[in-house]
Structure formats: C-alpha cells, structure tokens
Protein backbone atom coordinates (compact mmCIF):
# COMPACT_ATOMS: atom_id res chain seq x y z
CA UNK A 1 83.18 97.08 137.87
CA UNK A 2 82.63 98.61 134.41
CA UNK A 3 84.53 101.20 132.45
CA UNK A 4 82.98 104.42 131.18
CA UNK A 5 81.79 102.75 127.97
CA UNK A 6 80.17 99.90 129.92
CA UNK A 7 82.70 97.21 129.18
CA UNK A 8 84.51 95.20 131.82
CA UNK A 9 88.16 96.04 132.44
CA UNK A 10 90.87 93.43 131.93
CA UNK A 11 91.20 92.80 135.65
CA UNK A 12 93.74 90.41 137.12
CA UNK A 13 97.28 89.64 135.98
CA UNK A 14 99.42 92.22 134.25
CA UNK A 15 100.26 91.88 130.55
CA UNK A 16 102.20 88.74 129.84
CA UNK A 17 100.87 86.92 132.92
CA UNK A 18 98.44 84.02 132.74
CA UNK A 19 94.85 85.17 132.26
CA UNK A 20 93.60 81.61 131.90
CA UNK A 21 95.08 79.07 134.30
CA UNK A 22 94.10 75.39 134.10
CA UNK A 23 95.50 72.97 136.67
CA UNK A 24 94.76 69.24 136.60
CA UNK A 25 91.32 69.72 135.07
CA UNK A 26 89.43 66.40 135.01
CA UNK A 27 85.90 65.35 134.07
CA UNK A 28 84.30 61.94 134.52
CA UNK A 29 80.99 60.89 133.00
CA UNK A 30 80.22 57.73 134.91
CA UNK A 31 83.06 55.28 134.19
CA UNK A 32 84.37 57.33 131.27
CA UNK A 33 87.03 60.00 131.60
CA UNK A 34 86.42 62.82 129.13
CA UNK A 35 89.20 65.09 130.38
CA UNK A 36 92.15 63.58 132.23
CA UNK A 37 94.24 66.02 134.27
CA UNK A 38 94.79 68.78 131.70
CA UNK A 39 97.02 71.70 132.74
CA UNK A 40 97.98 74.80 130.75
CA UNK A 41 97.97 78.58 130.89
CA UNK A 42 97.14 81.29 128.36
CA UNK A 43 98.64 84.76 128.67
CA UNK A 44 97.46 88.11 127.40
CA UNK A 45 98.30 88.40 123.70
CA UNK A 46 98.20 84.65 123.08
CA UNK A 47 95.83 82.93 120.64
CA UNK A 48 95.79 79.27 121.60
CA UNK A 49 94.62 76.77 119.00
CA UNK A 50 92.92 73.92 120.90
CA UNK A 51 93.13 70.83 118.70
CA UNK A 52 92.11 67.21 118.93
CA UNK A 53 90.00 64.59 117.16
CA UNK A 54 86.29 64.15 117.85
CA UNK A 55 85.84 62.81 121.35
CA UNK A 56 89.21 64.07 122.59
CA UNK A 57 87.65 66.32 125.25
CA UNK A 58 87.91 69.78 123.65
CA UNK A 59 84.32 70.95 124.13
CA UNK A 60 84.13 69.46 127.62
CA UNK A 61 87.30 71.34 128.59
CA UNK A 62 85.97 74.62 127.20
CA UNK A 63 82.70 74.17 129.09
CA UNK A 64 84.63 73.69 132.33
CA UNK A 65 86.86 76.72 131.65
CA UNK A 66 83.77 78.89 131.18
CA UNK A 67 81.99 77.51 134.24
CA UNK A 68 79.15 75.82 132.35
CA UNK A 69 80.27 72.38 133.50
CA UNK A 70 81.72 71.59 136.92
CA UNK A 71 85.02 69.65 136.89
CA UNK A 72 85.35 66.33 138.69
CA UNK A 73 88.79 67.45 139.83
CA UNK A 74 91.28 70.22 139.20
CA UNK A 75 90.86 73.96 138.89
CA UNK A 76 90.25 76.60 136.22
CA UNK A 77 90.63 80.32 136.85
CA UNK A 78 90.04 83.44 134.77
CA UNK A 79 92.19 86.43 135.67
CA UNK A 80 92.61 85.00 139.14
CA UNK A 81 88.91 84.13 139.65
CA UNK A 82 88.10 80.44 140.22
CA UNK A 83 85.30 79.48 137.82
CA UNK A 84 83.63 77.29 140.47
CA UNK A 85 84.03 79.22 143.74
CA UNK A 86 84.08 82.71 142.16
CA UNK A 87 81.92 81.99 139.16
CA UNK A 88 80.18 85.27 138.32
CA UNK A 89 83.31 87.47 138.50
CA UNK A 90 85.08 84.93 136.27
CA UNK A 91 82.24 84.74 133.75
CA UNK A 92 81.99 88.53 133.50
CA UNK A 93 85.49 88.47 132.00
CA UNK A 94 84.73 85.77 129.43
CA UNK A 95 83.29 85.95 125.95
CA UNK A 96 82.08 82.46 125.02
CA UNK A 97 81.10 81.11 121.62
CA UNK A 98 79.88 77.55 122.28
CA UNK A 99 79.60 74.74 119.78
CA UNK A 100 76.71 75.35 117.40
CA UNK A 101 76.32 79.02 118.46
CA UNK A 102 72.88 78.51 120.09
CA UNK A 103 70.52 81.48 120.08
CA UNK A 104 66.79 82.21 120.36
CA UNK A 105 65.59 81.54 116.83
CA UNK A 106 62.46 83.71 117.00
CA UNK A 107 64.56 86.75 117.91
CA UNK A 108 66.28 88.95 115.36
CA UNK A 109 70.03 89.49 115.69
CA UNK A 110 69.34 93.02 116.95
CA UNK A 111 66.85 91.95 119.62
CA UNK A 112 69.14 89.07 120.65
CA UNK A 113 72.14 91.38 121.03
CA UNK A 114 70.02 93.84 123.05
CA UNK A 115 69.07 90.92 125.31
CA UNK A 116 72.73 89.91 125.69
CA UNK A 117 73.63 93.53 126.48
CA UNK A 118 71.12 93.52 129.37
CA UNK A 119 72.50 90.20 130.60
CA UNK A 120 75.97 91.78 130.55
CA UNK A 121 74.69 94.77 132.57
CA UNK A 122 75.02 97.19 129.65
CA UNK A 123 72.30 99.76 129.08
CA UNK A 124 71.61 103.06 127.37
CA UNK A 125 74.34 104.55 125.23
CA UNK A 126 76.90 101.98 126.41
CA UNK A 127 74.68 99.12 125.20
CA UNK A 128 74.06 100.70 121.80
CA UNK A 129 77.75 101.47 121.36
CA UNK A 130 78.67 97.87 122.23
CA UNK A 131 76.02 96.48 119.85
CA UNK A 132 77.08 98.76 116.99
CA UNK A 133 80.72 97.76 117.46
CA UNK A 134 79.93 94.01 117.55
CA UNK A 135 77.63 94.28 114.51
CA UNK A 136 80.26 96.14 112.52
CA UNK A 137 82.98 93.67 113.48
CA UNK A 138 80.90 90.66 112.41
CA UNK A 139 79.22 92.36 109.41
CA UNK A 140 75.64 91.67 110.48
CA UNK A 141 74.17 94.96 109.24
CA UNK A 142 72.15 93.36 106.43
CA UNK A 143 70.29 90.82 108.60
CA UNK A 144 69.68 92.68 111.86
CA UNK A 145 65.86 92.54 111.54
CA UNK A 146 65.57 89.00 110.16
CA UNK A 147 64.60 86.12 112.52
CA UNK A 148 67.69 84.14 113.50
CA UNK A 149 65.99 80.86 112.52
CA UNK A 150 65.83 82.05 108.91
CA UNK A 151 69.52 82.93 108.69
CA UNK A 152 72.16 80.80 107.00
CA UNK A 153 74.53 78.76 109.15
CA UNK A 154 77.27 81.30 108.48
CA UNK A 155 75.17 84.26 109.64
CA UNK A 156 74.00 82.38 112.73
CA UNK A 157 77.65 81.75 113.53
CA UNK A 158 78.36 85.46 113.18
CA UNK A 159 75.49 86.28 115.56
CA UNK A 160 77.10 83.94 118.07
CA UNK A 161 80.46 85.63 117.60
CA UNK A 162 78.88 89.07 118.02
CA UNK A 163 77.37 88.13 121.39
CA UNK A 164 80.72 86.72 122.53
CA UNK A 165 82.60 89.96 121.88
CA UNK A 166 79.76 92.34 122.77
CA UNK A 167 81.10 93.32 126.22
CA UNK A 168 84.75 93.51 125.06
CA UNK A 169 85.93 90.73 127.38
CA UNK A 170 89.63 90.19 128.15
CA UNK A 171 89.21 86.43 127.68
CA UNK A 172 87.62 84.79 124.62
CA UNK A 173 86.74 81.08 124.45
CA UNK A 174 85.50 80.07 121.01
CA UNK A 175 84.44 76.61 119.84
CA UNK A 176 84.85 76.39 116.05
CA UNK A 177 84.42 80.15 115.40
CA UNK A 178 84.60 79.83 111.59
CA UNK A 179 82.37 76.77 111.29
CA UNK A 180 79.88 77.27 108.46
CA UNK A 181 81.55 80.39 107.05
CA UNK A 182 82.59 80.70 103.44
CA UNK A 183 86.29 81.39 102.63
CA UNK A 184 85.79 85.18 102.54
CA UNK A 185 83.93 85.16 105.86
CA UNK A 186 86.62 82.96 107.44
CA UNK A 187 89.24 85.43 106.30
CA UNK A 188 87.34 88.32 107.90
CA UNK A 189 86.85 86.46 111.19
CA UNK A 190 90.55 85.58 111.29
CA UNK A 191 91.42 89.25 110.76
CA UNK A 192 89.02 90.21 113.55
CA UNK A 193 90.64 87.72 115.93
CA UNK A 194 94.05 89.06 114.97
CA UNK A 195 92.97 92.63 115.75
CA UNK A 196 91.57 91.62 119.14
CA UNK A 197 94.48 89.39 120.13
CA UNK A 198 96.91 92.01 121.45
CA UNK A 199 95.10 92.67 124.75
CA UNK A 200 93.16 89.42 125.18
CA UNK A 201 93.77 85.78 125.97
CA UNK A 202 92.00 83.74 123.28
CA UNK A 203 91.33 80.00 123.04
CA UNK A 204 90.02 78.63 119.75
CA UNK A 205 88.89 75.07 119.23
CA UNK A 206 89.15 74.16 115.56
CA UNK A 207 89.29 71.24 113.14
CA UNK A 208 90.73 73.47 110.43
CA UNK A 209 94.48 73.01 110.70
CA UNK A 210 95.25 75.93 108.38
CA UNK A 211 93.75 78.23 111.01
CA UNK A 212 96.47 77.26 113.44
CA UNK A 213 99.15 78.73 111.20
CA UNK A 214 96.91 81.63 110.12
CA UNK A 215 95.87 83.04 113.51
CA UNK A 216 97.32 81.06 116.43
CA UNK A 217 100.47 81.97 118.30
CA UNK A 218 100.44 78.60 120.01
CA UNK A 219 98.74 75.24 119.58
CA UNK A 220 97.79 72.58 122.09
CA UNK A 221 96.77 69.10 120.94
CA UNK A 222 94.78 66.78 123.18
CA UNK A 223 93.91 63.12 122.72
CA UNK A 224 91.83 60.92 124.99
CA UNK A 225 91.49 63.84 127.37
CA UNK A 226 95.23 64.42 127.77
CA UNK A 227 97.66 66.98 126.39
CA UNK A 228 99.94 65.32 123.82
CA UNK A 229 101.62 68.44 122.35
CA UNK A 230 101.99 72.11 123.22
CA UNK A 231 104.05 74.62 121.24
CA UNK A 232 104.10 77.28 118.58
CA UNK A 233 102.80 76.29 115.13
CA UNK A 234 106.41 76.29 113.88
CA UNK A 235 107.49 73.97 116.69
CA UNK A 236 104.70 71.52 115.96
CA UNK A 237 105.33 71.58 112.21
CA UNK A 238 109.00 70.97 113.00
CA UNK A 239 107.98 67.58 114.41
CA UNK A 240 106.79 66.47 110.97
CA UNK A 241 108.96 63.98 109.09
CA UNK A 242 108.48 66.29 106.08
CA UNK A 243 110.20 69.20 107.87
CA UNK A 244 113.26 70.15 105.77
CA UNK A 245 112.41 67.52 103.14
CA UNK A 246 112.71 68.46 99.46
CA UNK A 247 110.13 67.60 96.79
CA UNK A 248 111.08 67.26 93.13
CA UNK A 249 108.56 66.64 90.36
CA UNK A 250 109.92 65.37 87.04
CA UNK A 251 108.06 64.96 83.76
CA UNK A 252 108.64 62.00 81.45
CA UNK A 253 109.52 58.35 82.02
CA UNK A 254 112.72 58.54 84.05
CA UNK A 255 111.50 57.13 87.36
CA UNK A 256 113.90 54.23 87.91
CA UNK A 257 117.00 56.11 86.75
CA UNK A 258 116.06 59.27 88.68
CA UNK A 259 115.37 57.36 91.89
CA UNK A 260 118.77 55.64 91.88
CA UNK A 261 120.54 58.89 91.01
CA UNK A 262 118.80 60.82 93.76
CA UNK A 263 119.51 58.10 96.32
CA UNK A 264 123.21 58.54 95.64
CA UNK A 265 123.13 62.14 96.89
CA UNK A 266 124.93 62.57 100.24
CA UNK A 267 122.82 63.26 103.32
CA UNK A 268 119.70 61.39 102.12
CA UNK A 269 117.93 59.28 104.72
CA UNK A 270 115.07 58.04 102.50
CA UNK A 271 113.05 58.82 99.38
CA UNK A 272 109.29 58.69 98.84
CA UNK A 273 108.18 58.20 95.21
CA UNK A 274 104.71 59.31 94.03
CA UNK A 275 103.95 58.73 90.32
CA UNK A 276 101.02 60.62 88.84
CA UNK A 277 100.27 60.33 85.13
CA UNK A 278 103.32 61.34 83.14
CA UNK A 279 104.94 63.00 86.17
CA UNK A 280 106.67 61.62 89.24
CA UNK A 281 107.28 63.40 92.52
CA UNK A 282 110.28 62.41 94.63
CA UNK A 283 110.28 63.53 98.26
CA UNK A 284 113.78 63.39 99.71
CA UNK A 285 114.16 63.17 103.48
CA UNK A 286 117.54 64.43 104.74
CA UNK A 287 119.52 63.06 107.64
CA UNK A 288 118.49 65.06 110.70
CA UNK A 289 121.89 65.65 112.29
CA UNK A 290 122.03 69.09 110.62
CA UNK A 291 118.33 69.91 110.40
CA UNK A 292 118.65 73.71 110.29
CA UNK A 293 120.69 73.82 107.11
CA UNK A 294 119.72 70.43 105.67
CA UNK A 295 116.97 71.76 103.42
CA UNK A 296 119.11 74.54 101.93
CA UNK A 297 122.02 72.22 101.17
CA UNK A 298 119.79 69.47 99.83
CA UNK A 299 117.66 71.63 97.54
CA UNK A 300 120.80 73.10 95.98
CA UNK A 301 122.22 69.62 95.42
CA UNK A 302 118.96 68.41 93.86
CA UNK A 303 118.76 71.45 91.57
CA UNK A 304 122.37 70.91 90.41
CA UNK A 305 121.72 67.20 89.80
CA UNK A 306 118.54 67.91 87.81
CA UNK A 307 120.45 70.30 85.53
CA UNK A 308 123.25 67.78 85.03
CA UNK A 309 120.79 65.01 84.17
CA UNK A 310 118.69 67.20 81.89
CA UNK A 311 115.47 66.26 83.69
CA UNK A 312 112.26 68.06 82.84
CA UNK A 313 111.63 69.67 86.24
CA UNK A 314 108.00 70.56 86.89
CA UNK A 315 108.45 71.61 90.51
CA UNK A 316 111.18 71.83 93.13
CA UNK A 317 110.58 73.12 96.64
CA UNK A 318 111.49 72.67 100.28
CA UNK A 319 108.88 71.17 102.57
CA UNK A 320 108.16 73.24 105.71
CA UNK A 321 106.46 70.27 107.36
CA UNK A 322 102.87 69.05 107.52
CA UNK A 323 100.75 69.75 110.58
CA UNK A 324 98.13 67.21 109.54
CA UNK A 325 100.75 64.46 109.67
CA UNK A 326 101.87 65.56 113.14
CA UNK A 327 98.22 65.63 114.25
CA UNK A 328 97.58 62.10 112.95
CA UNK A 329 100.70 60.76 114.60
CA UNK A 330 99.80 62.23 117.98
CA UNK A 331 96.08 61.42 118.13
CA UNK A 332 94.42 58.05 118.32
CA UNK A 333 90.94 58.71 119.67
CA UNK A 334 89.14 57.37 116.62
CA UNK A 335 91.06 54.08 116.47
CA UNK A 336 89.70 50.64 117.26
CA UNK A 337 92.04 50.05 120.22
CA UNK A 338 90.36 52.81 122.22
CA UNK A 339 88.84 51.87 125.58
CA UNK A 340 85.36 53.16 126.56
CA UNK A 341 84.57 56.13 124.30
CA UNK A 342 85.30 59.50 125.88
CA UNK A 343 82.85 62.38 125.77
CA UNK A 344 83.52 65.27 123.40
C-alpha cells in the first residue's frame, strides 16, 4: 500500500517497538563462518552504529537483513515481514545504501532516480515530488544531468544515498554512508540522518568512530561474526580505561619530580607519562571504586597540586574515554591467531 504522496507507510510495530528484528542470523561460505548467530533489534527512532574490523561480517549481515543474501540459519524481519519468506513486502520498507553505492554509470543522477522511482512503484507527480525531495536532501542539483561515471566519489555516494531515501522508507540500512565525502559533506549527511531518525529505524555501518558519537543513539560491535558489545556510545566509552582519567601537560624539565609528586596523590591507580619535546603529559588513572565522582575529585586535586608546585601547566582536562581503545580491545579479526578468514 502507498500513501497519497506515493511513499510507503511505516507499517508494522508501533513507535518504540522493534522495526528490525534479527534472531540467530548465521552465514557460512563453505567451511568459513562469516556471521555466527547474531541477534539484535532496532526500534523506531534508533540510529544503530554497526561497527567491526574488516572481515568481521558487517556487510554480510547487512546483505542478509535486506534480503540480498540468504542466511544459512536464523531469521531477519522488517516491520514483521520475514526477509526470506515475505521478501517483497519487507524490501518495500527498506532503503538500502550498499557498499560502494553501485549505480548505472552511463545514466545521469536524474535518469537513475527516475528509474529507481519506477522500481519503487512511484509515478507521475508522486515520483517527481520524491525525486525533488531526495535531490534537495543530498544536494545533487548541480550534477543532475552529468553521467554518473564522471562524478567524484563523493557525488556518486550522494546519488546512492538519494536512491536509498527516495521512497521515504521506515527502515534505512546504510553501508558507509559518508565514505568519500569531504568534512562539509559528512556534516550535511549526518544532519540529514539526524532529521530522518525520529520516525525511522536506521542501521549505519561505519569505520569512522567519531560518527558513532555524532549521530548514533546506540552502537553494536561485532568481531569474527559475533556481537562483542552493544550499548549507547556513552556506555561503550565508559568501558575505556581512559574514562574518568585526568591528563596534565607540563612545560619544562620537571618530569621525574612531577611524576613522583603526582603518584603521591590519593586515589591514583596508575600514571602514564608521554614526553614530547619540552612538554610532558601525565595521564592519571583513578581507582574505579568511585568512578562517577573520581574525575571531578581528581582534577581538582591535580589543579591544586600544580599551583602549589608552580608548574607551567599547558593543559589540564578530564578524559571522557576513548572509543578507539575500546574497539581495539574488543576486536581481533585482523590478528595472526585468527582461524580461517571470515568473509566481510
């Protein structure tokens, strides 16, 4: 069924219920297991960052969720429609931006979007309205009549994004949506995703960890085809050893004296020392028994000590935590101890 403007309604669960439901999803390629029993749900209003190293199974999972690859076991459903047994109704509710954003290179963006509109059963005024909206959202106005093969990687990516959102789907699955975009374009795409997020369930595969904090309400990390972490960006960052740590940068040659003095502060578990030129940065890791207030207490104590010692303080700040460190600690797919290499 279509609405008056030709777009598909957000059929299925009510707001807050799971619009994407994955249960035990598994994919074997011969003897190799690319995806190993993954289960998760995504509700309306959620933007799920789907993270993992190369070969972890991200793209394979997304292809199974969208029905482009049949699972070896398990089930994926979109708004209650099984992507294998009820494929077309499920796919009508999905906007999919695959890896590489493939398109017909001899077409122009305008002719390609008109083709996609026909595929999505949009015609007449509804098709033109949908195309105009997608073009405006992705800022393709200046290249609409230029062959796609002649476009930059960033513009080709935007054409792919435009076709994914053309029919205003309730579910968006996007593999590296900002790949190839410059910083300004990435900012605009992130804003677009933020505007769309309220009434959609969105899954974004990305290697850019800053995007998780910028646009995702939740992040899921997979490694070797299995889920190894699932939580809000704040929850994942809270797993970093740098969470609630305090960094102090001092100018001048006071390293040895400063290190011993800082170690004498109460509540210090360890100190990391990083000299650089004429400056030295001390990262102080607090005891974790009082993690919520540890940073506040520690940074005040360090500031007081620096004043007493007369140190030349270049910087003093609390560490929120480092997602890249959490990611490295949880993933091992590119290490030498890996068994037969998994598919991407």
